[in-house]
Amino acid sequence: MTDTRVPSAPGAAPPGGESLAQRVLRLALTERVVLLAVLLVVVVVWFRVLGDGGYLVAPYDVRYLGNALESMVPFALLAIAELFVIVSGRGGIDLSVGAIVSLAGMVFGLMVGEWGWPLLPSIVACVAVGGLLGAVNGALVAYLRFPALIATLATYYAYSSLALVSNANAPISTPPIVALHSLTRNVHLPLLPPVPLHVFTILVPCAVLAWVVLSRSTYGRSLYAVGTNDIAAGYATQPVTRTRFTAYVVSGLLSGVVALVTVAQFASARPDAGVVGNGMALPAITIAVLGGVAIQGGIGRVGGVVVAALLVTWLNAGMLLAFEGSEGSQYQLLALGLVLVLSALLNTLALRRYGRLA
């Protein structure tokens, strides 16, 4: 009997399967943590090569990378905050996180540095203030149905103004506040470079708790369902409005935690801590999208966001050494813009080609 099968083209995928190139492409597009880990290695190796060749102004070594983690903590926490609100869908975004950092930090500075409150109640109150400010955003977006972009832009202006007038636009640097700087000191662990203490005491616990909430709780499943299709979630008896409202409250709580971090880092409560320069919101959104959070909602993982924060931190650290003076910080903005465009493009390709993103 004659064989009528058409021979496969060289390099083509076997029937019902994928070629090696197709599997690599699918892995790169859908498994964001894997792609980011590869890029992280490439960035570190590239700057090490430049350093060994004398093209950097200082060594890009393990000690430098460990110290750079200090700047990663606030942006990683705010990127996780953006993860919650973006995943909630309906154009979810929070432009006010930096302003919440400023205002909650000033409230904390007044409590500890001016009013003489004990440290622990002041910490709890600072985080609670952040949650309350986030609840205002949540009420505007979830209950009053304001567009998230407009609502959080309005509260960004309002919270920034309140932070500035809270202490006549002056920072609070009294001795009790200055003493908090010790909370961000470097710790020395076996086989590891010096690492800022708050990486272990604040970032890791918050990231683990966020992962548990999103991946192992009923609320997390409801948040992904609401972000994917809130109409279908409503028919499935999911509390759509309350779930979306809570996402903004969580964002505010994490912003309150970042307020504590910035006060300790600067040894001062500054009214512009979260909004100076380009502010904290836009880099946090960039990191979230780079970490695989789809701007359409319903998709995103904590692991991807944390690895993306590490990648951006060490990329920025390398760029500071590649240029003399302030040029490095100027090129960081260009890099962030390119990263945002590239990551949004990758997210779109993954959703169009495979219908999923991890």
Protein backbone atom coordinates (compact mmCIF):
# COMPACT_ATOMS: atom_id res chain seq x y z
CA MET A 1 0.00 0.00 0.00
CA THR A 2 1.30 3.44 -0.94
CA ASP A 3 2.26 5.84 1.86
CA THR A 4 0.36 9.10 1.18
CA ARG A 5 1.67 11.07 4.17
CA VAL A 6 3.33 14.38 3.37
CA PRO A 7 6.91 14.46 4.71
CA SER A 8 7.54 17.03 7.43
CA ALA A 9 9.66 20.02 6.65
CA PRO A 10 13.10 20.11 8.29
CA GLY A 11 12.88 21.60 11.77
CA ALA A 12 9.08 21.47 11.86
CA ALA A 13 7.26 20.41 14.98
CA PRO A 14 6.17 16.78 15.13
CA PRO A 15 2.44 16.18 14.68
CA GLY A 16 0.57 17.29 17.77
CA GLY A 17 3.73 18.75 19.36
CA GLU A 18 5.98 21.78 19.38
CA SER A 19 9.44 22.34 18.02
CA LEU A 20 12.25 23.26 20.39
CA ALA A 21 12.10 26.89 19.24
CA GLN A 22 8.35 27.01 19.86
CA ARG A 23 8.75 25.56 23.36
CA VAL A 24 11.46 28.10 24.20
CA LEU A 25 9.25 30.94 22.90
CA ARG A 26 6.26 29.73 24.91
CA LEU A 27 8.38 29.39 28.04
CA ALA A 28 9.81 32.90 27.60
CA LEU A 29 6.39 34.46 27.07
CA THR A 30 4.30 32.59 29.62
CA GLU A 31 6.75 31.83 32.44
CA ARG A 32 7.81 35.32 33.36
CA VAL A 33 9.95 34.34 36.35
CA VAL A 34 12.13 32.15 34.12
CA LEU A 35 12.64 34.96 31.60
CA LEU A 36 13.42 37.48 34.33
CA ALA A 37 15.91 35.12 35.98
CA VAL A 38 17.75 34.74 32.67
CA LEU A 39 17.78 38.52 32.14
CA LEU A 40 19.01 39.01 35.70
CA VAL A 41 21.99 36.75 35.05
CA VAL A 42 22.71 38.54 31.77
CA VAL A 43 22.64 41.97 33.46
CA VAL A 44 24.95 40.92 36.29
CA VAL A 45 27.43 39.18 33.99
CA TRP A 46 27.41 42.11 31.54
CA PHE A 47 28.22 44.71 34.18
CA ARG A 48 30.85 42.45 35.75
CA VAL A 49 32.54 42.20 32.36
CA LEU A 50 32.38 45.98 31.96
CA GLY A 51 33.83 46.41 35.44
CA ASP A 52 36.69 44.00 34.79
CA GLY A 53 37.43 45.92 31.59
CA GLY A 54 37.68 49.22 33.45
CA TYR A 55 34.54 50.74 31.92
CA LEU A 56 32.80 51.39 35.27
CA VAL A 57 33.66 54.09 37.78
CA ALA A 58 33.60 51.61 40.69
CA PRO A 59 33.55 47.81 41.12
CA TYR A 60 30.26 46.08 40.34
CA ASP A 61 30.91 43.43 42.96
CA VAL A 62 28.90 41.35 45.41
CA ARG A 63 29.18 43.91 48.18
CA TYR A 64 27.84 46.65 45.89
CA LEU A 65 24.93 44.46 44.80
CA GLY A 66 24.07 43.70 48.42
CA ASN A 67 24.04 47.39 49.34
CA ALA A 68 21.85 48.15 46.31
CA LEU A 69 19.08 46.03 47.83
CA GLU A 70 18.29 48.92 50.17
CA SER A 71 16.63 50.79 47.30
CA MET A 72 14.80 47.64 46.18
CA VAL A 73 12.68 47.26 49.32
CA PRO A 74 10.28 50.22 48.92
CA PHE A 75 9.81 49.71 45.18
CA ALA A 76 9.23 45.98 45.53
CA LEU A 77 6.58 46.57 48.21
CA LEU A 78 4.83 49.24 46.13
CA ALA A 79 4.97 46.99 43.06
CA ILE A 80 3.18 44.31 45.09
CA ALA A 81 0.64 46.98 46.05
CA GLU A 82 0.14 47.74 42.35
CA LEU A 83 -0.21 44.00 41.72
CA PHE A 84 -3.31 43.89 43.91
CA VAL A 85 -5.05 46.86 42.31
CA ILE A 86 -4.14 46.01 38.71
CA VAL A 87 -5.23 42.39 39.13
CA SER A 88 -8.59 43.66 40.42
CA GLY A 89 -9.41 44.72 36.86
CA ARG A 90 -11.56 47.48 35.36
CA GLY A 91 -8.51 49.61 34.64
CA GLY A 92 -7.19 49.22 38.17
CA ILE A 93 -4.15 51.32 38.98
CA ASP A 94 -2.98 53.37 41.97
CA LEU A 95 -1.08 56.56 41.20
CA SER A 96 -1.33 57.75 44.79
CA VAL A 97 0.98 55.21 46.46
CA GLY A 98 3.90 57.65 46.58
CA ALA A 99 1.71 60.37 48.09
CA ILE A 100 0.43 57.91 50.69
CA VAL A 101 4.06 57.14 51.56
CA SER A 102 4.70 60.85 52.09
CA LEU A 103 1.59 61.54 54.16
CA ALA A 104 1.73 58.39 56.29
CA GLY A 105 5.44 59.01 56.87
CA MET A 106 4.75 62.52 58.08
CA VAL A 107 2.02 61.26 60.43
CA PHE A 108 4.49 58.71 61.80
CA GLY A 109 7.14 61.43 62.18
CA LEU A 110 4.74 63.62 64.13
CA MET A 111 3.69 60.77 66.41
CA VAL A 112 7.20 59.59 67.25
CA GLY A 113 9.27 62.73 66.76
CA GLU A 114 6.94 65.46 67.98
CA TRP A 115 4.20 63.95 70.14
CA GLY A 116 6.36 61.39 71.93
CA TRP A 117 4.23 58.34 71.15
CA PRO A 118 5.73 54.88 71.83
CA LEU A 119 7.25 53.23 68.76
CA LEU A 120 4.96 50.20 68.41
CA PRO A 121 1.61 52.08 68.54
CA SER A 122 3.07 54.62 66.10
CA ILE A 123 4.01 51.85 63.66
CA VAL A 124 0.52 50.37 63.83
CA ALA A 125 -1.04 53.81 63.40
CA CYS A 126 1.18 54.60 60.39
CA VAL A 127 0.15 51.41 58.58
CA ALA A 128 -3.49 52.05 59.55
CA VAL A 129 -3.28 55.58 58.08
CA GLY A 130 -2.02 54.07 54.84
CA GLY A 131 -4.92 51.61 54.83
CA LEU A 132 -7.41 54.42 55.49
CA LEU A 133 -6.04 56.48 52.59
CA GLY A 134 -6.21 53.40 50.40
CA ALA A 135 -9.81 52.88 51.51
CA VAL A 136 -10.66 56.34 50.14
CA ASN A 137 -9.30 55.24 46.78
CA GLY A 138 -11.24 51.99 47.03
CA ALA A 139 -14.49 53.77 47.83
CA LEU A 140 -14.07 56.08 44.83
CA VAL A 141 -13.22 53.25 42.43
CA ALA A 142 -15.31 50.33 43.69
CA TYR A 143 -18.40 51.97 45.16
CA LEU A 144 -18.65 55.30 43.32
CA ARG A 145 -17.22 53.78 40.11
CA PHE A 146 -14.75 56.54 39.37
CA PRO A 147 -12.13 55.55 36.79
CA ALA A 148 -9.11 54.39 38.79
CA LEU A 149 -6.74 56.63 36.85
CA ILE A 150 -8.75 59.76 37.67
CA ALA A 151 -9.57 58.79 41.26
CA THR A 152 -6.00 57.99 42.29
CA LEU A 153 -4.58 60.96 40.41
CA ALA A 154 -6.94 63.22 42.39
CA THR A 155 -5.98 61.62 45.70
CA TYR A 156 -2.31 61.82 44.70
CA TYR A 157 -2.63 65.61 44.57
CA ALA A 158 -4.68 65.73 47.76
CA TYR A 159 -2.41 63.48 49.82
CA SER A 160 0.73 65.21 48.52
CA SER A 161 -0.68 68.59 49.56
CA LEU A 162 -1.61 67.32 53.03
CA ALA A 163 1.89 65.92 53.49
CA LEU A 164 3.42 69.28 52.62
CA VAL A 165 1.22 71.34 54.97
CA SER A 166 1.33 68.83 57.85
CA ASN A 167 4.60 70.29 59.17
CA ALA A 168 4.87 73.51 57.13
CA ASN A 169 6.79 71.68 54.36
CA ALA A 170 9.61 70.86 56.78
CA PRO A 171 11.07 67.41 57.48
CA ILE A 172 11.03 65.93 60.96
CA SER A 173 14.50 64.85 62.05
CA THR A 174 14.30 64.77 65.84
CA PRO A 175 16.54 62.28 67.74
CA PRO A 176 13.85 59.55 68.05
CA ILE A 177 13.43 59.63 64.26
CA VAL A 178 17.18 59.64 63.56
CA ALA A 179 17.59 56.61 65.84
CA LEU A 180 15.32 54.56 63.53
CA HIS A 181 18.06 54.53 60.89
CA SER A 182 19.59 51.56 62.72
CA LEU A 183 16.65 49.45 61.54
CA THR A 184 18.07 49.57 58.00
CA ARG A 185 21.67 48.65 58.89
CA ASN A 186 23.46 45.91 56.99
CA VAL A 187 23.63 42.43 58.45
CA HIS A 188 26.38 39.92 57.73
CA LEU A 189 25.33 36.34 57.08
CA PRO A 190 27.55 33.35 56.22
CA LEU A 191 28.30 33.03 52.49
CA LEU A 192 26.31 36.20 51.72
CA PRO A 193 27.34 39.83 51.17
CA PRO A 194 26.15 42.48 53.62
CA VAL A 195 22.40 42.81 53.14
CA PRO A 196 20.12 45.54 54.58
CA LEU A 197 18.25 44.26 57.61
CA HIS A 198 14.83 45.34 56.36
CA VAL A 199 15.10 42.97 53.40
CA PHE A 200 14.57 40.15 55.91
CA THR A 201 12.40 41.90 58.48
CA ILE A 202 10.00 43.71 56.13
CA LEU A 203 10.24 42.74 52.44
CA VAL A 204 10.38 38.97 52.80
CA PRO A 205 7.50 38.71 55.33
CA CYS A 206 5.30 41.07 53.30
CA ALA A 207 6.03 39.22 50.04
CA VAL A 208 5.30 35.84 51.64
CA LEU A 209 2.06 37.13 53.18
CA ALA A 210 0.98 38.62 49.84
CA TRP A 211 1.72 35.30 48.12
CA VAL A 212 -0.35 33.41 50.69
CA VAL A 213 -3.27 35.82 50.31
CA LEU A 214 -3.26 35.69 46.51
CA SER A 215 -2.47 32.01 46.01
CA ARG A 216 -3.90 30.23 49.03
CA SER A 217 -6.94 32.19 50.17
CA THR A 218 -10.55 32.56 49.13
CA TYR A 219 -9.99 36.30 48.73
CA GLY A 220 -7.15 35.70 46.28
CA ARG A 221 -9.29 33.45 44.10
CA SER A 222 -12.08 36.01 44.21
CA LEU A 223 -9.66 38.83 43.24
CA TYR A 224 -8.44 36.96 40.16
CA ALA A 225 -12.01 36.08 39.19
CA VAL A 226 -13.17 39.69 39.54
CA GLY A 227 -10.20 40.98 37.59
CA THR A 228 -10.70 38.49 34.78
CA ASN A 229 -14.42 39.10 34.31
CA ASP A 230 -16.32 40.96 36.99
CA ILE A 231 -19.69 40.32 35.35
CA ALA A 232 -19.16 36.57 35.37
CA ALA A 233 -17.80 36.80 38.91
CA GLY A 234 -20.96 38.62 39.97
CA TYR A 235 -23.13 35.88 38.48
CA ALA A 236 -21.00 33.39 40.43
CA THR A 237 -21.97 35.23 43.63
CA GLN A 238 -18.50 36.74 44.12
CA PRO A 239 -18.49 40.02 46.13
CA VAL A 240 -17.18 42.10 43.25
CA THR A 241 -17.37 45.55 44.83
CA ARG A 242 -15.97 44.51 48.20
CA THR A 243 -13.15 42.54 46.60
CA ARG A 244 -12.05 45.47 44.44
CA PHE A 245 -12.37 47.88 47.39
CA THR A 246 -10.17 45.62 49.53
CA ALA A 247 -7.45 45.60 46.85
CA TYR A 248 -7.03 49.36 47.27
CA VAL A 249 -7.02 49.01 51.05
CA VAL A 250 -4.17 46.47 50.76
CA SER A 251 -2.34 48.88 48.47
CA GLY A 252 -2.67 51.58 51.12
CA LEU A 253 -1.49 49.27 53.89
CA LEU A 254 1.63 48.36 51.93
CA SER A 255 2.22 52.05 51.21
CA GLY A 256 2.07 52.65 54.96
CA VAL A 257 4.74 49.99 55.45
CA VAL A 258 6.89 51.73 52.83
CA ALA A 259 6.41 54.99 54.73
CA LEU A 260 8.06 53.36 57.75
CA VAL A 261 10.89 52.10 55.56
CA THR A 262 11.59 55.50 54.02
CA VAL A 263 11.57 57.25 57.38
CA ALA A 264 14.14 54.75 58.66
CA GLN A 265 16.24 54.98 55.49
CA PHE A 266 16.38 58.79 55.47
CA ALA A 267 16.50 59.08 59.28
CA SER A 268 13.88 61.74 58.66
CA ALA A 269 10.17 62.04 57.92
CA ARG A 270 10.11 63.98 54.66
CA PRO A 271 6.94 65.50 53.16
CA ASP A 272 8.16 64.68 49.64
CA ALA A 273 9.57 61.21 50.37
CA GLY A 274 7.30 59.40 47.92
CA VAL A 275 6.77 62.08 45.29
CA VAL A 276 10.14 63.77 44.84
CA GLY A 277 11.50 63.61 41.30
CA ASN A 278 9.49 61.11 39.31
CA GLY A 279 7.87 59.73 42.44
CA MET A 280 7.50 56.13 43.52
CA ALA A 281 4.29 55.21 41.69
CA LEU A 282 5.57 55.03 38.12
CA PRO A 283 8.61 52.83 38.87
CA ALA A 284 6.37 50.56 40.95
CA ILE A 285 3.90 50.20 38.08
CA THR A 286 6.79 49.50 35.69
CA ILE A 287 8.13 46.75 37.96
CA ALA A 288 4.67 45.21 38.32
CA VAL A 289 4.12 45.08 34.55
CA LEU A 290 7.65 43.76 33.99
CA GLY A 291 6.88 41.07 36.56
CA GLY A 292 4.02 39.77 34.44
CA VAL A 293 1.05 41.70 35.81
CA ALA A 294 -1.31 42.18 32.86
CA ILE A 295 -2.71 45.69 32.74
CA GLN A 296 -6.04 44.18 31.61
CA GLY A 297 -6.43 42.63 35.08
CA GLY A 298 -6.79 39.12 36.43
CA ILE A 299 -3.16 38.07 35.85
CA GLY A 300 -0.06 38.49 38.00
CA ARG A 301 2.11 36.72 40.56
CA VAL A 302 4.14 37.94 43.53
CA GLY A 303 7.21 35.94 42.51
CA GLY A 304 7.45 37.66 39.14
CA VAL A 305 7.11 41.10 40.73
CA VAL A 306 9.88 40.45 43.29
CA VAL A 307 12.31 39.13 40.66
CA ALA A 308 11.45 42.10 38.41
CA ALA A 309 12.23 44.47 41.30
CA LEU A 310 15.61 42.79 41.77
CA LEU A 311 16.33 43.03 38.03
CA VAL A 312 15.49 46.74 37.86
CA THR A 313 17.47 47.44 41.05
CA TRP A 314 20.66 45.81 39.81
CA LEU A 315 20.21 47.28 36.32
CA ASN A 316 19.93 50.77 37.80
CA ALA A 317 22.89 50.09 40.08
CA GLY A 318 25.01 49.15 37.07
CA MET A 319 23.96 52.20 35.10
CA LEU A 320 24.99 54.49 37.95
CA LEU A 321 28.51 53.09 37.63
CA ALA A 322 28.58 53.28 33.84
CA PHE A 323 28.39 57.09 33.77
CA GLU A 324 30.10 59.82 35.72
CA GLY A 325 28.18 62.40 37.70
CA SER A 326 24.37 62.42 37.40
CA GLU A 327 24.21 61.03 33.86
CA GLY A 328 23.56 57.53 35.15
CA SER A 329 20.34 58.55 36.91
CA GLN A 330 19.19 60.31 33.74
CA TYR A 331 19.68 57.18 31.66
CA GLN A 332 17.80 55.18 34.28
CA LEU A 333 14.62 56.96 33.19
CA LEU A 334 15.24 55.94 29.59
CA ALA A 335 15.83 52.36 30.70
CA LEU A 336 12.61 52.34 32.76
CA GLY A 337 10.63 53.61 29.78
CA LEU A 338 12.07 50.95 27.49
CA VAL A 339 11.47 48.26 30.11
CA LEU A 340 7.82 49.31 30.48
CA VAL A 341 7.19 49.22 26.72
CA LEU A 342 8.96 45.88 26.31
CA SER A 343 7.20 44.23 29.24
CA ALA A 344 3.76 45.45 28.10
CA LEU A 345 4.53 44.09 24.62
CA LEU A 346 5.57 40.71 26.05
CA ASN A 347 2.38 40.55 28.13
CA THR A 348 0.24 41.32 25.08
CA LEU A 349 2.02 38.71 22.93
CA ALA A 350 1.64 36.07 25.63
CA LEU A 351 -2.08 36.70 26.02
CA ARG A 352 -2.74 36.79 22.28
CA ARG A 353 -0.67 33.72 21.42
CA TYR A 354 -1.24 31.47 24.42
CA GLY A 355 -4.09 33.09 26.34
CA ARG A 356 -2.15 32.97 29.59
CA LEU A 357 0.74 34.50 31.49
CA ALA A 358 2.48 33.34 34.64
